[in-house]
Structure formats: structure tokens, C-alpha cells
Amino acid sequence: MKIRNQSGFTLVEIAIVLVVIGLLLGGILKGQQLINSARVRNLADQNSGVQAAYYGFIDRFRNLPGDMLRAAACTAVGQGIDSAACATPANAPGGTGATGGNGRIDTIAEAGAVWPHLATAGFLNGTYSGQDASNADLTSANYPTAVALGAVPPNAFQGPIMLAHMNDYVQGNVGATVTRLAYSFGGLIPVPILRDLDAKLDDGTAGTGVLRSSIKAGDANVSGVFDGAVAWTDGGTAPEDCIDEAAANSTWQVDSPNQTCNAIFLY
């Protein structure tokens, strides 16, 4: 009876396979790290661009974008805001009523109008309506979906950015009571990205410095013009919070599966 010799992998062959697998995994992880770094840089650069545009607009027009009265914006900034709406300035994006022209971007309508004002004046690339599909002012209900309408610019994750006076940000481990002009990064952002962004631009802590975590909708500490329903897009249904509010000064929950977190940058 003839016995067959059974062959298998040698130790050298197994070692080669393990090395190849290790190189592939290392490349994948390195690639993901590069992607995350690019996203962090994109978020930071977008904030810097909006900040420069905001101050450039004030320097030229002596008015705040968004808060500038509708008729004045149509005349000074240009018909490109919305030529049809500017034919009836009351329908154009811009400040109106008791708050228009008061030196604060303190309504959702004004926050929406920021973008056509900046873009039409040439301080921001793109074309934005600042209004909903029927040319009506944006509200807290439709601002979170305004990117799809072409109303406001998106962040790298397609979240709607915002520039307005707000107080729905964390201050230590309690809700902030001071309303400040702030830039909302737009939400839909994983926590590790926000933590890296905070480390790049500030102190890496969610509750201190110029970069803070937003407070989600329904938080008892929120009592400002802009509730977390706009600046925080998880709708209150996230599986885990984005930050640990119980910790001193609050910390980013980098192991959270929440992919819809947000932060603001104080101007």
C-alpha cells in the first residue's frame, strides 16, 4: 500500500502571509487616519473661511450678514440675493421685524440669510438661497435639512453649518447662559473627529475654550434663541451622548457610536 506524503504550509510561508496581512491592515488604518485628518482640516478651514467672510462683510457694508434688513441687502449687496424676491424686498432673505438690524443674528431666518448675503457679496463661494423651497424663511424645523434645498452650505458630512448668536453650548458641566456669536460646525460628525478638531483649534475639552460641544435638544439647561434641535442634529434619539457632561469641564465620548454630534466655535 502506497502512503501519500501530506504537504502543508511551511513556517516561512505562514510568516510571509502574516506579514502581508499586517501590511494590508496597517495600510487600511493609515488610510483611515489620513481621511480623518483631512476631514478635521476641512472643518477647521471652513470655519476660518466663514470667519473671514463675516468680518469682511461688516467692514464693507457696516452691517451683519443675515441681520442686514432685506431692502438694504437687496440694494447694497445686490440683486443676486434673489432677484425675484428683491422685486418685493419683504420676501428677500434678511433681517426683518423687531430683530432685523439690531446687530445680532438672532432668528433662524437671519441665520439662513447669512449665506446668500456672504455669497452674493463675493465673500463666500457658492450660491445659497437662505430660504426653503417656497422662498419662505427657514425655521428650526427645516434648517437641519436646508443643505438639500441649496439654502445653506454643508460641512464635510453634509450637515448644515450655521453662524448666529446662540447659547446652546456646554460651559463646564452645566448649560451655558451667555448668548454669544458662534459658528456651528453643522452636526452629523463622529465624536473622534470633533475631539481631534478640538485638539487642533483649542484645548481638546468639550466644555472649555472657544470650541465647545453643542447641547442636544430637550436639555433642561437650554433656554436660548437657538435650541439644540438646530445646532445638534441627533434629534434626542442618539444611542449615546457625544460628551460626558458629568466629567469636569465635560469630555468627548470618543467611544460613542453616535455619528451625529456637533460643536460650536465662539467668535
Protein backbone atom coordinates (compact mmCIF):
# COMPACT_ATOMS: atom_id res chain seq x y z
CA MET A 1 0.00 0.00 0.00
CA LYS A 2 1.42 3.32 -1.08
CA ILE A 3 1.35 6.13 1.52
CA ARG A 4 0.95 9.64 0.21
CA ASN A 5 3.02 12.42 1.64
CA GLN A 6 0.76 15.19 3.00
CA SER A 7 2.07 18.65 2.32
CA GLY A 8 1.19 21.87 4.14
CA PHE A 9 2.38 25.41 4.64
CA THR A 10 5.85 25.83 5.96
CA LEU A 11 6.61 28.22 8.80
CA VAL A 12 8.25 30.56 6.33
CA GLU A 13 5.13 30.64 4.14
CA ILE A 14 2.87 31.27 7.13
CA ALA A 15 5.16 34.06 8.27
CA ILE A 16 5.02 35.68 4.83
CA VAL A 17 1.21 35.54 4.82
CA LEU A 18 1.05 37.13 8.28
CA VAL A 19 3.42 39.89 7.20
CA VAL A 20 1.27 40.62 4.13
CA ILE A 21 -1.90 40.71 6.25
CA GLY A 22 -0.18 43.05 8.70
CA LEU A 23 0.88 45.37 5.91
CA LEU A 24 -2.64 45.44 4.49
CA LEU A 25 -4.19 46.20 7.86
CA GLY A 26 -1.58 48.87 8.53
CA GLY A 27 -2.30 50.48 5.18
CA ILE A 28 -6.04 50.48 5.81
CA LEU A 29 -5.64 52.03 9.25
CA LYS A 30 -3.18 54.60 7.95
CA GLY A 31 -5.54 55.45 5.11
CA GLN A 32 -8.42 55.95 7.54
CA GLN A 33 -6.22 58.16 9.67
CA LEU A 34 -5.36 60.30 6.64
CA ILE A 35 -9.05 60.58 5.73
CA ASN A 36 -9.96 61.67 9.26
CA SER A 37 -7.13 64.20 9.29
CA ALA A 38 -8.38 65.63 6.00
CA ARG A 39 -11.91 65.93 7.40
CA VAL A 40 -10.65 67.70 10.51
CA ARG A 41 -8.65 70.10 8.35
CA ASN A 42 -11.68 70.69 6.11
CA LEU A 43 -13.90 71.56 9.10
CA ALA A 44 -11.25 73.90 10.50
CA ASP A 45 -10.64 75.63 7.16
CA GLN A 46 -14.36 76.09 6.55
CA ASN A 47 -14.73 77.82 9.91
CA SER A 48 -11.78 80.10 9.14
CA GLY A 49 -13.24 80.97 5.75
CA VAL A 50 -16.64 81.87 7.22
CA GLN A 51 -15.00 83.95 9.95
CA ALA A 52 -13.01 85.92 7.38
CA ALA A 53 -16.11 86.39 5.22
CA TYR A 54 -18.14 87.61 8.21
CA TYR A 55 -15.66 90.31 9.18
CA GLY A 56 -15.09 91.27 5.55
CA PHE A 57 -18.84 91.79 5.10
CA ILE A 58 -19.02 94.00 8.20
CA ASP A 59 -16.04 96.04 7.04
CA ARG A 60 -17.62 96.70 3.64
CA PHE A 61 -21.30 97.16 4.50
CA ARG A 62 -21.22 98.18 8.17
CA ASN A 63 -23.91 95.59 8.81
CA LEU A 64 -24.01 91.99 9.95
CA PRO A 65 -24.77 89.41 7.24
CA GLY A 66 -28.21 87.97 7.84
CA ASP A 67 -29.19 90.74 10.23
CA MET A 68 -29.00 93.36 7.46
CA LEU A 69 -32.52 94.50 6.59
CA ARG A 70 -33.96 92.87 3.48
CA ALA A 71 -34.43 96.01 1.42
CA ALA A 72 -30.98 97.31 2.34
CA ALA A 73 -29.41 93.99 1.41
CA CYS A 74 -31.14 94.00 -1.97
CA THR A 75 -29.81 97.50 -2.66
CA ALA A 76 -26.31 97.30 -1.20
CA VAL A 77 -25.32 93.66 -1.59
CA GLY A 78 -27.02 93.10 -4.92
CA GLN A 79 -29.90 91.52 -6.76
CA GLY A 80 -28.04 88.23 -6.78
CA ILE A 81 -29.53 87.54 -3.34
CA ASP A 82 -32.75 86.68 -5.16
CA SER A 83 -33.77 88.97 -7.99
CA ALA A 84 -37.41 87.85 -7.83
CA ALA A 85 -37.57 88.31 -4.08
CA CYS A 86 -35.79 91.64 -4.26
CA ALA A 87 -38.54 92.91 -6.57
CA THR A 88 -40.60 92.67 -3.37
CA PRO A 89 -37.93 93.17 -0.70
CA ALA A 90 -40.21 91.95 2.08
CA ASN A 91 -39.74 88.45 0.62
CA ALA A 92 -35.95 88.62 0.29
CA PRO A 93 -33.66 86.88 2.80
CA GLY A 94 -32.53 89.18 5.57
CA GLY A 95 -33.40 90.78 8.88
CA THR A 96 -36.95 91.93 9.49
CA GLY A 97 -39.34 92.82 12.28
CA ALA A 98 -38.15 93.77 15.74
CA THR A 99 -34.80 92.00 15.44
CA GLY A 100 -33.68 92.99 11.96
CA GLY A 101 -30.80 95.46 12.03
CA ASN A 102 -30.27 95.11 15.78
CA GLY A 103 -26.64 93.98 15.48
CA ARG A 104 -27.39 90.33 16.25
CA ILE A 105 -28.10 87.25 14.14
CA ASP A 106 -30.82 86.06 16.48
CA THR A 107 -33.51 84.33 14.45
CA ILE A 108 -33.43 81.24 12.24
CA ALA A 109 -34.46 83.40 9.28
CA GLU A 110 -31.45 85.65 9.81
CA ALA A 111 -29.15 82.65 10.24
CA GLY A 112 -30.36 81.40 6.87
CA ALA A 113 -29.90 84.81 5.26
CA VAL A 114 -26.23 84.91 6.31
CA TRP A 115 -25.28 82.65 3.41
CA PRO A 116 -26.87 84.45 0.43
CA HIS A 117 -25.58 87.75 1.85
CA LEU A 118 -21.98 86.49 2.09
CA ALA A 119 -22.07 84.62 -1.23
CA THR A 120 -23.68 87.43 -3.23
CA ALA A 121 -21.19 89.93 -1.79
CA GLY A 122 -18.37 87.70 -3.05
CA PHE A 123 -17.01 86.69 0.35
CA LEU A 124 -18.09 83.06 0.05
CA ASN A 125 -18.06 80.61 -2.84
CA GLY A 126 -21.35 79.05 -3.91
CA THR A 127 -24.95 80.09 -4.37
CA TYR A 128 -27.37 79.80 -1.47
CA SER A 129 -30.98 80.89 -1.12
CA GLY A 130 -31.16 81.05 2.67
CA GLN A 131 -34.83 80.06 2.31
CA ASP A 132 -36.99 77.00 1.82
CA ALA A 133 -38.36 75.69 -1.48
CA SER A 134 -41.21 78.25 -1.45
CA ASN A 135 -38.84 81.19 -0.81
CA ALA A 136 -40.08 81.45 2.77
CA ASP A 137 -37.75 81.99 5.73
CA LEU A 138 -36.04 78.96 7.22
CA THR A 139 -37.28 77.71 10.58
CA SER A 140 -35.84 75.46 13.28
CA ALA A 141 -37.87 72.65 11.71
CA ASN A 142 -36.34 72.85 8.23
CA TYR A 143 -32.88 74.32 8.90
CA PRO A 144 -31.42 70.85 9.62
CA THR A 145 -32.43 69.79 6.08
CA ALA A 146 -31.56 73.10 4.40
CA VAL A 147 -28.49 71.68 2.64
CA ALA A 148 -30.70 69.60 0.35
CA LEU A 149 -32.62 72.77 -0.56
CA GLY A 150 -29.45 74.61 -1.56
CA ALA A 151 -30.27 77.08 1.21
CA VAL A 152 -27.12 76.81 3.34
CA PRO A 153 -23.60 75.41 2.86
CA PRO A 154 -22.81 71.87 4.05
CA ASN A 155 -19.90 70.63 6.11
CA ALA A 156 -17.78 67.64 5.10
CA PHE A 157 -20.51 65.32 6.40
CA GLN A 158 -23.39 67.17 4.69
CA GLY A 159 -24.54 68.80 7.90
CA PRO A 160 -25.90 72.39 7.72
CA ILE A 161 -23.43 74.93 9.09
CA MET A 162 -24.72 78.00 10.94
CA LEU A 163 -23.45 81.38 12.10
CA ALA A 164 -25.64 83.05 14.72
CA HIS A 165 -25.93 84.29 18.27
CA MET A 166 -26.68 81.22 20.39
CA ASN A 167 -26.26 79.79 23.87
CA ASP A 168 -26.87 76.08 23.31
CA TYR A 169 -23.26 75.12 24.04
CA VAL A 170 -21.65 73.46 27.03
CA GLN A 171 -19.97 75.54 29.70
CA GLY A 172 -18.24 73.25 32.16
CA ASN A 173 -20.77 70.63 33.18
CA VAL A 174 -23.78 72.95 33.06
CA GLY A 175 -25.64 74.61 30.21
CA ALA A 176 -24.39 77.99 29.10
CA THR A 177 -26.44 81.05 29.98
CA VAL A 178 -24.44 83.55 27.93
CA THR A 179 -25.54 84.11 24.33
CA ARG A 180 -22.54 84.51 22.03
CA LEU A 181 -21.92 84.80 18.33
CA ALA A 182 -20.83 81.32 17.35
CA TYR A 183 -20.22 79.12 14.35
CA SER A 184 -21.96 75.74 14.33
CA PHE A 185 -19.91 73.07 12.54
CA GLY A 186 -23.15 71.56 11.26
CA GLY A 187 -23.58 68.24 13.01
CA LEU A 188 -23.53 64.69 11.57
CA ILE A 189 -19.93 64.47 12.84
CA PRO A 190 -18.42 61.43 14.64
CA VAL A 191 -17.08 62.16 18.13
CA PRO A 192 -13.40 61.28 17.37
CA ILE A 193 -13.41 63.86 14.57
CA LEU A 194 -14.73 66.53 16.95
CA ARG A 195 -12.18 65.58 19.59
CA ASP A 196 -9.35 65.92 17.04
CA LEU A 197 -10.83 69.20 15.80
CA ASP A 198 -10.98 70.49 19.37
CA ALA A 199 -7.34 69.48 19.92
CA LYS A 200 -6.34 71.23 16.67
CA LEU A 201 -8.18 74.51 17.30
CA ASP A 202 -8.50 74.66 21.07
CA ASP A 203 -7.83 72.72 24.28
CA GLY A 204 -9.34 69.31 23.45
CA THR A 205 -12.01 69.64 26.16
CA ALA A 206 -15.70 69.82 25.22
CA GLY A 207 -16.71 72.28 27.91
CA THR A 208 -13.95 74.91 27.88
CA GLY A 209 -12.19 77.22 25.45
CA VAL A 210 -13.50 78.62 22.18
CA LEU A 211 -14.63 75.26 20.78
CA ARG A 212 -17.48 73.68 22.76
CA SER A 213 -19.89 70.82 22.34
CA SER A 214 -23.47 71.70 21.45
CA ILE A 215 -26.24 70.71 23.84
CA LYS A 216 -28.82 68.36 22.42
CA ALA A 217 -32.49 69.19 22.02
CA GLY A 218 -34.55 68.94 25.18
CA ASP A 219 -31.66 69.54 27.58
CA ALA A 220 -33.04 71.31 30.65
CA ASN A 221 -30.15 73.76 30.60
CA VAL A 222 -31.01 75.14 27.17
CA SER A 223 -33.06 78.32 27.11
CA GLY A 224 -31.65 80.31 24.24
CA VAL A 225 -32.77 81.59 20.87
CA PHE A 226 -31.37 78.53 19.13
CA ASP A 227 -32.25 75.19 20.68
CA GLY A 228 -30.17 72.08 20.12
CA ALA A 229 -32.69 70.91 17.53
CA VAL A 230 -30.83 73.13 15.08
CA ALA A 231 -27.26 73.09 16.29
CA TRP A 232 -27.31 69.42 17.32
CA THR A 233 -28.81 67.06 14.78
CA ASP A 234 -29.34 63.84 16.71
CA GLY A 235 -32.94 64.79 17.49
CA GLY A 236 -32.53 63.49 21.02
CA THR A 237 -32.50 59.84 19.89
CA ALA A 238 -28.79 59.10 19.81
CA PRO A 239 -27.73 55.78 21.39
CA GLU A 240 -25.12 57.60 23.47
CA ASP A 241 -24.35 61.21 24.20
CA CYS A 242 -21.45 62.84 22.43
CA ILE A 243 -19.93 64.11 25.67
CA ASP A 244 -19.72 63.13 29.31
CA GLU A 245 -21.39 66.10 30.99
CA ALA A 246 -20.74 64.63 34.43
CA ALA A 247 -16.98 64.94 33.97
CA ALA A 248 -15.17 68.08 34.99
CA ASN A 249 -15.46 70.56 32.10
CA SER A 250 -17.06 67.75 30.04
CA THR A 251 -15.09 65.31 27.90
CA TRP A 252 -15.65 63.93 24.42
CA GLN A 253 -17.04 60.38 24.43
CA VAL A 254 -14.69 59.07 21.75
CA ASP A 255 -16.03 55.52 22.07
CA SER A 256 -19.61 56.65 21.45
CA PRO A 257 -21.34 55.13 18.40
CA ASN A 258 -23.13 58.43 17.86
CA GLN A 259 -22.38 59.69 14.34
CA THR A 260 -24.45 62.89 14.55
CA CYS A 261 -22.58 65.06 17.03
CA ASN A 262 -21.86 68.76 16.73
CA ALA A 263 -19.77 71.59 18.17
CA ILE A 264 -19.66 75.36 18.01
CA PHE A 265 -16.78 77.83 17.76
CA LEU A 266 -17.14 81.07 19.73
CA TYR A 267 -16.29 84.24 17.78
